[in-house]
Amino acid sequence: MEPGDGAERNGHPRSGGPNVPAMSQNTNTPGIPGQPTAPVAGDPAKVQRQVQQQAGVGPVSGGGGTLFSEPVLVVNQKAKLIELTNEYAVFDQQGGTLGSVVQVGQSGLRKLIRLFFSIDQYLTHKLEIRDAQGVPALLLTRPAKFIKSRVIVQRPDGHEVGQIVQQNAIGKINFALEAGGHKIGAVKAENWRAWNFSIVDETDTEIARITKTWEGLAKTMFTTADNYVLQIHRPLADPLISLVVATALTVDTALKQDARGFG
C-alpha cells in the first residue's frame, strides 16, 4: 500500500494521513545527488531494552508499520565524536526499521566551518525525514536562530504542513505546534535540561510523550549521540500527526547548542 492513499490499519492513519499528496521520489543523500539510501538496520534486542527498560514504554499494541502509523518510534542518532552532519535512524518498538533523518544541503566549506567554529545556532539546518525505502516523507527547515528556534515542516512537494515554534528561552522550554497560522498543540519540556517532553493537543490533553534514553557515561560524554523514544497515545490526524513525528525526529536540532566543533 502506498503512502498517502488514506488507508488505515489498527486505527492508525497510514503514512502522511488521508489528505497527503503522493510522496516525492527524490532520494538524494547528503552530498550525493540522485543516490538512494536505505536506513540502517538496528539491533532489535537493544531497541527493545531502550523502549521497555530505559523509557518505560510498552509493549504497545497496534501500529501500521510506517513512520506515521506506529504508536512508538525510537529515534537514535548516529554516534560521532564531532557532529558535522546530523543523522538519525528510526525504529519501531520491536527494532524494525521505519525510516531515517538526514541533514541535506551542506557544502564541504560549511562542514569545515562547523568543524572549527561553534556557530551551529547561526546556521540554517535542513533535514529530510525518509521512510523505510529512503523516500522523503517530510522536509524540515530550522532557520538560523539567535535565541528562539523555529522548524518549518513541509511535504516533499514544498507544501507547508505547519511549524514548530519555540515560545520561551528561560526555564522549561515550550514549543507551539502551528498549522495555517493556528496553534493546534504544544510541546512542553518537563525539566529545564529539556530531556523529556509532553506533547498536548489544543485542549491541553497529552497525546504523546518524548523520553530521552540514557546510553551510558562514555557514549554521553564523548559523542554527540542523542536517543529518544516517542510514544503516541492515540491515533492522530494530519496535520497534527506530521507535526508530532517531526517534533520527535528533530528535537535535538531544534534545541541545538554550540557544542559541535572545536571552536
C-alpha atoms as a PDB file:
ATOM      1  CA  MET A   1       0.000   0.000   0.000  1.00  0.00           C
ATOM      2  CA  GLU A   2       1.479   3.362  -0.990  1.00  0.00           C
ATOM      3  CA  PRO A   3       1.845   6.355   1.388  1.00  0.00           C
ATOM      4  CA  GLY A   4      -0.858   8.972   1.059  1.00  0.00           C
ATOM      5  CA  ASP A   5      -3.683   6.616  -0.022  1.00  0.00           C
ATOM      6  CA  GLY A   6      -5.596   7.275   3.209  1.00  0.00           C
ATOM      7  CA  ALA A   7      -5.916   3.623   4.246  1.00  0.00           C
ATOM      8  CA  GLU A   8      -5.733   2.749   7.922  1.00  0.00           C
ATOM      9  CA  ARG A   9      -4.609  -0.242   9.899  1.00  0.00           C
ATOM     10  CA  ASN A  10      -5.470  -0.869  13.554  1.00  0.00           C
ATOM     11  CA  GLY A  11      -6.929   2.611  13.814  1.00  0.00           C
ATOM     12  CA  HIS A  12      -3.731   4.427  12.903  1.00  0.00           C
ATOM     13  CA  PRO A  13      -3.625   6.585   9.761  1.00  0.00           C
ATOM     14  CA  ARG A  14      -1.236   5.357   7.085  1.00  0.00           C
ATOM     15  CA  SER A  15       1.869   7.317   6.214  1.00  0.00           C
ATOM     16  CA  GLY A  16       1.139  11.015   5.776  1.00  0.00           C
ATOM     17  CA  GLY A  17      -2.570  10.819   6.602  1.00  0.00           C
ATOM     18  CA  PRO A  18      -5.633  10.841   4.353  1.00  0.00           C
ATOM     19  CA  ASN A  19      -5.029  14.141   2.575  1.00  0.00           C
ATOM     20  CA  VAL A  20      -1.303  13.920   1.945  1.00  0.00           C
ATOM     21  CA  PRO A  21      -0.088  14.205  -1.665  1.00  0.00           C
ATOM     22  CA  ALA A  22       1.892  11.326  -3.152  1.00  0.00           C
ATOM     23  CA  MET A  23       5.463  11.284  -1.892  1.00  0.00           C
ATOM     24  CA  SER A  24       8.298  12.627  -3.991  1.00  0.00           C
ATOM     25  CA  GLN A  25      10.760  10.161  -5.448  1.00  0.00           C
ATOM     26  CA  ASN A  26      13.691  12.421  -4.572  1.00  0.00           C
ATOM     27  CA  THR A  27      16.068  10.126  -2.709  1.00  0.00           C
ATOM     28  CA  ASN A  28      19.174  12.276  -2.638  1.00  0.00           C
ATOM     29  CA  THR A  29      21.682  11.659   0.092  1.00  0.00           C
ATOM     30  CA  PRO A  30      23.756  14.492   1.578  1.00  0.00           C
ATOM     31  CA  GLY A  31      26.401  15.446  -0.960  1.00  0.00           C
ATOM     32  CA  ILE A  32      25.482  12.586  -3.356  1.00  0.00           C
ATOM     33  CA  PRO A  33      22.632  13.803  -5.573  1.00  0.00           C
ATOM     34  CA  GLY A  34      20.427  11.103  -7.053  1.00  0.00           C
ATOM     35  CA  GLN A  35      21.773   8.281  -4.891  1.00  0.00           C
ATOM     36  CA  PRO A  36      19.010   6.424  -2.999  1.00  0.00           C
ATOM     37  CA  THR A  37      19.803   5.343   0.530  1.00  0.00           C
ATOM     38  CA  ALA A  38      18.129   2.750   2.737  1.00  0.00           C
ATOM     39  CA  PRO A  39      18.043   3.370   6.505  1.00  0.00           C
ATOM     40  CA  VAL A  40      20.487   1.299   8.537  1.00  0.00           C
ATOM     41  CA  ALA A  41      19.218  -1.777  10.358  1.00  0.00           C
ATOM     42  CA  GLY A  42      19.052  -1.717  14.123  1.00  0.00           C
ATOM     43  CA  ASP A  43      19.687  -4.211  16.900  1.00  0.00           C
ATOM     44  CA  PRO A  44      16.181  -5.411  17.886  1.00  0.00           C
ATOM     45  CA  ALA A  45      17.231  -6.530  21.373  1.00  0.00           C
ATOM     46  CA  LYS A  46      18.926  -3.192  22.066  1.00  0.00           C
ATOM     47  CA  VAL A  47      15.952  -1.188  20.784  1.00  0.00           C
ATOM     48  CA  GLN A  48      13.504  -3.229  22.883  1.00  0.00           C
ATOM     49  CA  ARG A  49      15.621  -2.645  26.006  1.00  0.00           C
ATOM     50  CA  GLN A  50      15.722   1.048  25.183  1.00  0.00           C
ATOM     51  CA  VAL A  51      11.938   1.214  24.887  1.00  0.00           C
ATOM     52  CA  GLN A  52      10.853  -1.015  27.732  1.00  0.00           C
ATOM     53  CA  GLN A  53      13.612  -0.620  30.330  1.00  0.00           C
ATOM     54  CA  GLN A  54      15.079   2.819  29.694  1.00  0.00           C
ATOM     55  CA  ALA A  55      11.954   4.681  28.565  1.00  0.00           C
ATOM     56  CA  GLY A  56       9.471   2.527  30.496  1.00  0.00           C
ATOM     57  CA  VAL A  57       7.176   2.155  27.470  1.00  0.00           C
ATOM     58  CA  GLY A  58       5.202  -0.799  26.211  1.00  0.00           C
ATOM     59  CA  PRO A  59       4.937  -3.131  24.659  1.00  0.00           C
ATOM     60  CA  VAL A  60       2.123  -1.211  22.939  1.00  0.00           C
ATOM     61  CA  SER A  61      -0.343  -2.971  20.649  1.00  0.00           C
ATOM     62  CA  GLY A  62      -1.346  -1.778  17.190  1.00  0.00           C
ATOM     63  CA  GLY A  63       0.632   0.011  14.547  1.00  0.00           C
ATOM     64  CA  GLY A  64       0.649   0.098  10.777  1.00  0.00           C
ATOM     65  CA  GLY A  65       4.339  -0.317  10.081  1.00  0.00           C
ATOM     66  CA  THR A  66       5.106   3.256   8.964  1.00  0.00           C
ATOM     67  CA  LEU A  67       6.525   6.428  10.465  1.00  0.00           C
ATOM     68  CA  PHE A  68       3.017   7.868  10.785  1.00  0.00           C
ATOM     69  CA  SER A  69       1.117   4.804  11.979  1.00  0.00           C
ATOM     70  CA  GLU A  70       3.254   3.254  14.730  1.00  0.00           C
ATOM     71  CA  PRO A  71       2.393   4.068  18.379  1.00  0.00           C
ATOM     72  CA  VAL A  72       6.084   4.014  19.358  1.00  0.00           C
ATOM     73  CA  LEU A  73       9.039   5.493  17.451  1.00  0.00           C
ATOM     74  CA  VAL A  74      12.643   5.014  18.556  1.00  0.00           C
ATOM     75  CA  VAL A  75      14.959   7.768  17.316  1.00  0.00           C
ATOM     76  CA  ASN A  76      18.678   7.014  17.606  1.00  0.00           C
ATOM     77  CA  GLN A  77      21.304   9.484  16.494  1.00  0.00           C
ATOM     78  CA  LYS A  78      24.438   8.174  14.830  1.00  0.00           C
ATOM     79  CA  ALA A  79      27.260   8.434  17.371  1.00  0.00           C
ATOM     80  CA  LYS A  80      30.123  10.727  16.282  1.00  0.00           C
ATOM     81  CA  LEU A  81      32.988  12.369  18.126  1.00  0.00           C
ATOM     82  CA  ILE A  82      32.238  15.578  16.223  1.00  0.00           C
ATOM     83  CA  GLU A  83      28.888  16.133  14.536  1.00  0.00           C
ATOM     84  CA  LEU A  84      29.179  17.688  11.091  1.00  0.00           C
ATOM     85  CA  THR A  85      26.079  16.082   9.552  1.00  0.00           C
ATOM     86  CA  ASN A  86      23.035  15.203  11.639  1.00  0.00           C
ATOM     87  CA  GLU A  87      21.895  11.618  11.055  1.00  0.00           C
ATOM     88  CA  TYR A  88      19.251   9.551  12.851  1.00  0.00           C
ATOM     89  CA  ALA A  89      17.773   6.082  12.424  1.00  0.00           C
ATOM     90  CA  VAL A  90      14.106   5.475  13.302  1.00  0.00           C
ATOM     91  CA  PHE A  91      12.783   2.106  14.509  1.00  0.00           C
ATOM     92  CA  ASP A  92       9.527   0.656  15.778  1.00  0.00           C
ATOM     93  CA  GLN A  93       9.308  -0.765  19.307  1.00  0.00           C
ATOM     94  CA  GLN A  94      10.479  -4.208  18.135  1.00  0.00           C
ATOM     95  CA  GLY A  95      13.562  -2.776  16.416  1.00  0.00           C
ATOM     96  CA  GLY A  96      12.200  -2.856  12.863  1.00  0.00           C
ATOM     97  CA  THR A  97      13.443  -0.082  10.581  1.00  0.00           C
ATOM     98  CA  LEU A  98      10.855   2.624   9.862  1.00  0.00           C
ATOM     99  CA  GLY A  99      12.990   5.344   8.334  1.00  0.00           C
ATOM    100  CA  SER A 100      15.754   7.848   8.859  1.00  0.00           C
ATOM    101  CA  VAL A 101      16.519  11.527   9.239  1.00  0.00           C
ATOM    102  CA  VAL A 102      19.424  13.049   7.319  1.00  0.00           C
ATOM    103  CA  GLN A 103      20.784  16.549   7.012  1.00  0.00           C
ATOM    104  CA  VAL A 104      20.865  17.840   3.434  1.00  0.00           C
ATOM    105  CA  GLY A 105      22.257  20.820   1.544  1.00  0.00           C
ATOM    106  CA  GLN A 106      25.629  21.148   3.271  1.00  0.00           C
ATOM    107  CA  SER A 107      28.685  22.100   1.249  1.00  0.00           C
ATOM    108  CA  GLY A 108      32.211  20.996   2.103  1.00  0.00           C
ATOM    109  CA  LEU A 109      33.024  24.560   3.153  1.00  0.00           C
ATOM    110  CA  ARG A 110      30.140  24.606   5.591  1.00  0.00           C
ATOM    111  CA  LYS A 111      31.299  21.344   7.167  1.00  0.00           C
ATOM    112  CA  LEU A 112      34.760  22.846   7.661  1.00  0.00           C
ATOM    113  CA  ILE A 113      33.197  25.876   9.312  1.00  0.00           C
ATOM    114  CA  ARG A 114      31.207  23.626  11.661  1.00  0.00           C
ATOM    115  CA  LEU A 115      34.366  21.660  12.458  1.00  0.00           C
ATOM    116  CA  PHE A 116      36.407  24.610  13.644  1.00  0.00           C
ATOM    117  CA  PHE A 117      33.800  27.119  14.838  1.00  0.00           C
ATOM    118  CA  SER A 118      30.855  26.718  17.238  1.00  0.00           C
ATOM    119  CA  ILE A 119      28.280  28.593  15.196  1.00  0.00           C
ATOM    120  CA  ASP A 120      25.572  25.973  14.674  1.00  0.00           C
ATOM    121  CA  GLN A 121      22.757  28.115  16.001  1.00  0.00           C
ATOM    122  CA  TYR A 122      23.578  30.846  13.460  1.00  0.00           C
ATOM    123  CA  LEU A 123      23.251  28.420  10.532  1.00  0.00           C
ATOM    124  CA  THR A 124      20.119  27.219   8.746  1.00  0.00           C
ATOM    125  CA  HIS A 125      19.626  23.447   9.026  1.00  0.00           C
ATOM    126  CA  LYS A 126      17.677  21.375   6.500  1.00  0.00           C
ATOM    127  CA  LEU A 127      16.628  17.792   7.226  1.00  0.00           C
ATOM    128  CA  GLU A 128      14.766  15.093   5.325  1.00  0.00           C
ATOM    129  CA  ILE A 129      12.606  12.546   7.114  1.00  0.00           C
ATOM    130  CA  ARG A 130      12.706   9.443   4.903  1.00  0.00           C
ATOM    131  CA  ASP A 131      10.640   6.270   5.007  1.00  0.00           C
ATOM    132  CA  ALA A 132      11.998   2.709   5.181  1.00  0.00           C
ATOM    133  CA  GLN A 133      12.682   2.763   1.427  1.00  0.00           C
ATOM    134  CA  GLY A 134      14.649   6.012   1.635  1.00  0.00           C
ATOM    135  CA  VAL A 135      11.893   8.118   0.043  1.00  0.00           C
ATOM    136  CA  PRO A 136      11.418  11.603   1.587  1.00  0.00           C
ATOM    137  CA  ALA A 137       8.228  11.950   3.632  1.00  0.00           C
ATOM    138  CA  LEU A 138       8.770  15.373   5.219  1.00  0.00           C
ATOM    139  CA  LEU A 139      11.213  18.246   4.700  1.00  0.00           C
ATOM    140  CA  LEU A 140      12.277  20.235   7.743  1.00  0.00           C
ATOM    141  CA  THR A 141      13.990  23.606   7.852  1.00  0.00           C
ATOM    142  CA  ARG A 142      15.309  25.198  11.021  1.00  0.00           C
ATOM    143  CA  PRO A 143      16.293  28.761  10.085  1.00  0.00           C
ATOM    144  CA  ALA A 144      19.272  30.355  11.752  1.00  0.00           C
ATOM    145  CA  LYS A 145      18.359  31.296  15.293  1.00  0.00           C
ATOM    146  CA  PHE A 146      19.567  33.808  17.843  1.00  0.00           C
ATOM    147  CA  ILE A 147      17.622  32.844  20.968  1.00  0.00           C
ATOM    148  CA  LYS A 148      14.427  31.037  19.968  1.00  0.00           C
ATOM    149  CA  SER A 149      14.187  28.201  17.484  1.00  0.00           C
ATOM    150  CA  ARG A 150      11.631  27.508  14.733  1.00  0.00           C
ATOM    151  CA  VAL A 151      11.203  24.457  12.481  1.00  0.00           C
ATOM    152  CA  ILE A 152       9.212  24.660   9.220  1.00  0.00           C
ATOM    153  CA  VAL A 153       7.631  21.327   8.239  1.00  0.00           C
ATOM    154  CA  GLN A 154       6.866  20.727   4.543  1.00  0.00           C
ATOM    155  CA  ARG A 155       5.778  17.931   2.226  1.00  0.00           C
ATOM    156  CA  PRO A 156       8.311  16.856  -0.439  1.00  0.00           C
ATOM    157  CA  ASP A 157       6.391  18.998  -2.968  1.00  0.00           C
ATOM    158  CA  GLY A 158       7.064  22.092  -0.854  1.00  0.00           C
ATOM    159  CA  HIS A 159       3.569  22.404   0.657  1.00  0.00           C
ATOM    160  CA  GLU A 160       3.842  23.621   4.248  1.00  0.00           C
ATOM    161  CA  VAL A 161       2.310  21.346   6.885  1.00  0.00           C
ATOM    162  CA  GLY A 162       2.989  23.665   9.792  1.00  0.00           C
ATOM    163  CA  GLN A 163       5.649  24.970  12.144  1.00  0.00           C
ATOM    164  CA  ILE A 164       7.192  24.076  15.492  1.00  0.00           C
ATOM    165  CA  VAL A 165       7.847  27.396  17.215  1.00  0.00           C
ATOM    166  CA  GLN A 166       9.806  27.886  20.445  1.00  0.00           C
ATOM    167  CA  GLN A 167       7.855  30.026  22.903  1.00  0.00           C
ATOM    168  CA  ASN A 168      10.419  30.836  25.584  1.00  0.00           C
ATOM    169  CA  ALA A 169      14.153  30.811  26.239  1.00  0.00           C
ATOM    170  CA  ILE A 170      14.216  30.735  30.050  1.00  0.00           C
ATOM    171  CA  GLY A 171      13.001  27.882  32.229  1.00  0.00           C
ATOM    172  CA  LYS A 172      11.321  24.789  30.845  1.00  0.00           C
ATOM    173  CA  ILE A 173      11.328  25.067  27.058  1.00  0.00           C
ATOM    174  CA  ASN A 174       7.931  25.076  25.319  1.00  0.00           C
ATOM    175  CA  PHE A 175       7.052  24.892  21.619  1.00  0.00           C
ATOM    176  CA  ALA A 176       3.791  25.680  19.854  1.00  0.00           C
ATOM    177  CA  LEU A 177       2.605  23.364  17.084  1.00  0.00           C
ATOM    178  CA  GLU A 178       1.074  25.609  14.428  1.00  0.00           C
ATOM    179  CA  ALA A 179      -0.798  24.880  11.201  1.00  0.00           C
ATOM    180  CA  GLY A 180      -2.327  27.512   8.944  1.00  0.00           C
ATOM    181  CA  GLY A 181      -1.385  30.186  11.464  1.00  0.00           C
ATOM    182  CA  HIS A 182      -3.332  28.493  14.273  1.00  0.00           C
ATOM    183  CA  LYS A 183      -1.991  26.734  17.336  1.00  0.00           C
ATOM    184  CA  ILE A 184      -3.097  23.083  17.296  1.00  0.00           C
ATOM    185  CA  GLY A 185      -0.881  21.732  20.049  1.00  0.00           C
ATOM    186  CA  ALA A 186       2.209  22.260  22.147  1.00  0.00           C
ATOM    187  CA  VAL A 187       5.418  20.560  23.216  1.00  0.00           C
ATOM    188  CA  LYS A 188       6.348  21.064  26.869  1.00  0.00           C
ATOM    189  CA  ALA A 189       9.727  20.226  28.352  1.00  0.00           C
ATOM    190  CA  GLU A 190       9.334  18.503  31.710  1.00  0.00           C
ATOM    191  CA  ASN A 191      12.644  19.754  33.099  1.00  0.00           C
ATOM    192  CA  TRP A 192      14.985  22.641  32.447  1.00  0.00           C
ATOM    193  CA  ARG A 193      17.512  20.397  30.670  1.00  0.00           C
ATOM    194  CA  ALA A 194      14.862  19.601  28.026  1.00  0.00           C
ATOM    195  CA  TRP A 195      15.353  15.837  28.175  1.00  0.00           C
ATOM    196  CA  ASN A 196      11.707  14.715  28.315  1.00  0.00           C
ATOM    197  CA  PHE A 197       8.693  16.327  26.645  1.00  0.00           C
ATOM    198  CA  SER A 198       4.926  16.114  26.908  1.00  0.00           C
ATOM    199  CA  ILE A 199       3.059  16.777  23.648  1.00  0.00           C
ATOM    200  CA  VAL A 200      -0.508  18.064  24.040  1.00  0.00           C
ATOM    201  CA  ASP A 201      -3.344  18.958  21.670  1.00  0.00           C
ATOM    202  CA  GLU A 202      -5.242  22.268  21.556  1.00  0.00           C
ATOM    203  CA  THR A 203      -7.272  21.215  24.634  1.00  0.00           C
ATOM    204  CA  ASP A 204      -4.027  20.712  26.603  1.00  0.00           C
ATOM    205  CA  THR A 205      -4.617  16.936  26.699  1.00  0.00           C
ATOM    206  CA  GLU A 206      -1.445  14.858  26.418  1.00  0.00           C
ATOM    207  CA  ILE A 207      -1.354  12.947  23.126  1.00  0.00           C
ATOM    208  CA  ALA A 208       2.283  11.862  23.064  1.00  0.00           C
ATOM    209  CA  ARG A 209       5.464  11.805  25.104  1.00  0.00           C
ATOM    210  CA  ILE A 210       9.158  12.051  24.199  1.00  0.00           C
ATOM    211  CA  THR A 211      11.657  10.407  26.560  1.00  0.00           C
ATOM    212  CA  LYS A 212      15.414  10.756  26.194  1.00  0.00           C
ATOM    213  CA  THR A 213      17.168   7.469  26.944  1.00  0.00           C
ATOM    214  CA  TRP A 214      20.491   7.104  28.725  1.00  0.00           C
ATOM    215  CA  GLU A 215      23.191   5.476  26.595  1.00  0.00           C
ATOM    216  CA  GLY A 216      25.954   5.173  29.179  1.00  0.00           C
ATOM    217  CA  LEU A 217      28.522   7.603  30.553  1.00  0.00           C
ATOM    218  CA  ALA A 218      31.202   7.059  27.901  1.00  0.00           C
ATOM    219  CA  LYS A 219      28.857   7.498  24.948  1.00  0.00           C
ATOM    220  CA  THR A 220      27.170  10.507  26.518  1.00  0.00           C
ATOM    221  CA  MET A 221      30.440  12.275  27.372  1.00  0.00           C
ATOM    222  CA  PHE A 222      32.466  11.585  24.258  1.00  0.00           C
ATOM    223  CA  THR A 223      29.989  11.504  21.377  1.00  0.00           C
ATOM    224  CA  THR A 224      27.156  13.713  20.116  1.00  0.00           C
ATOM    225  CA  ALA A 225      24.528  10.945  20.081  1.00  0.00           C
ATOM    226  CA  ASP A 226      21.063  11.693  21.480  1.00  0.00           C
ATOM    227  CA  ASN A 227      18.462   8.933  21.565  1.00  0.00           C
ATOM    228  CA  TYR A 228      14.711   9.374  22.117  1.00  0.00           C
ATOM    229  CA  VAL A 229      11.569   7.279  22.395  1.00  0.00           C
ATOM    230  CA  LEU A 230       8.244   8.741  21.204  1.00  0.00           C
ATOM    231  CA  GLN A 231       5.003   7.184  22.472  1.00  0.00           C
ATOM    232  CA  ILE A 232       1.792   8.334  20.756  1.00  0.00           C
ATOM    233  CA  HIS A 233      -1.205   7.685  22.997  1.00  0.00           C
ATOM    234  CA  ARG A 234      -3.950   7.591  20.359  1.00  0.00           C
ATOM    235  CA  PRO A 235      -4.388   7.798  16.574  1.00  0.00           C
ATOM    236  CA  LEU A 236      -3.904  11.345  15.268  1.00  0.00           C
ATOM    237  CA  ALA A 237      -4.988  13.013  12.040  1.00  0.00           C
ATOM    238  CA  ASP A 238      -2.953  15.353   9.885  1.00  0.00           C
ATOM    239  CA  PRO A 239      -1.535  17.904  10.260  1.00  0.00           C
ATOM    240  CA  LEU A 240      -1.096  17.039  13.955  1.00  0.00           C
ATOM    241  CA  ILE A 241       0.447  13.582  13.376  1.00  0.00           C
ATOM    242  CA  SER A 242       3.028  15.002  10.966  1.00  0.00           C
ATOM    243  CA  LEU A 243       3.992  17.751  13.430  1.00  0.00           C
ATOM    244  CA  VAL A 244       4.240  15.276  16.318  1.00  0.00           C
ATOM    245  CA  VAL A 245       6.509  12.970  14.309  1.00  0.00           C
ATOM    246  CA  ALA A 246       8.567  15.921  13.077  1.00  0.00           C
ATOM    247  CA  THR A 247       8.973  17.146  16.654  1.00  0.00           C
ATOM    248  CA  ALA A 248      10.304  13.813  17.894  1.00  0.00           C
ATOM    249  CA  LEU A 249      12.708  13.470  14.987  1.00  0.00           C
ATOM    250  CA  THR A 250      14.138  16.991  15.236  1.00  0.00           C
ATOM    251  CA  VAL A 251      14.049  17.854  18.931  1.00  0.00           C
ATOM    252  CA  ASP A 252      17.847  17.784  19.136  1.00  0.00           C
ATOM    253  CA  THR A 253      18.233  20.079  16.122  1.00  0.00           C
ATOM    254  CA  ALA A 254      15.563  22.480  17.390  1.00  0.00           C
ATOM    255  CA  LEU A 255      17.376  22.820  20.719  1.00  0.00           C
ATOM    256  CA  LYS A 256      20.895  22.590  19.299  1.00  0.00           C
ATOM    257  CA  GLN A 257      23.545  24.479  21.216  1.00  0.00           C
ATOM    258  CA  ASP A 258      27.023  25.484  20.048  1.00  0.00           C
ATOM    259  CA  ALA A 259      28.872  22.319  21.013  1.00  0.00           C
ATOM    260  CA  ARG A 260      29.589  20.602  17.710  1.00  0.00           C
ATOM    261  CA  GLY A 261      33.055  21.740  16.649  1.00  0.00           C
ATOM    262  CA  PHE A 262      36.454  22.583  18.137  1.00  0.00           C
ATOM    263  CA  GLY A 263      35.622  26.270  18.480  1.00  0.00           C
END
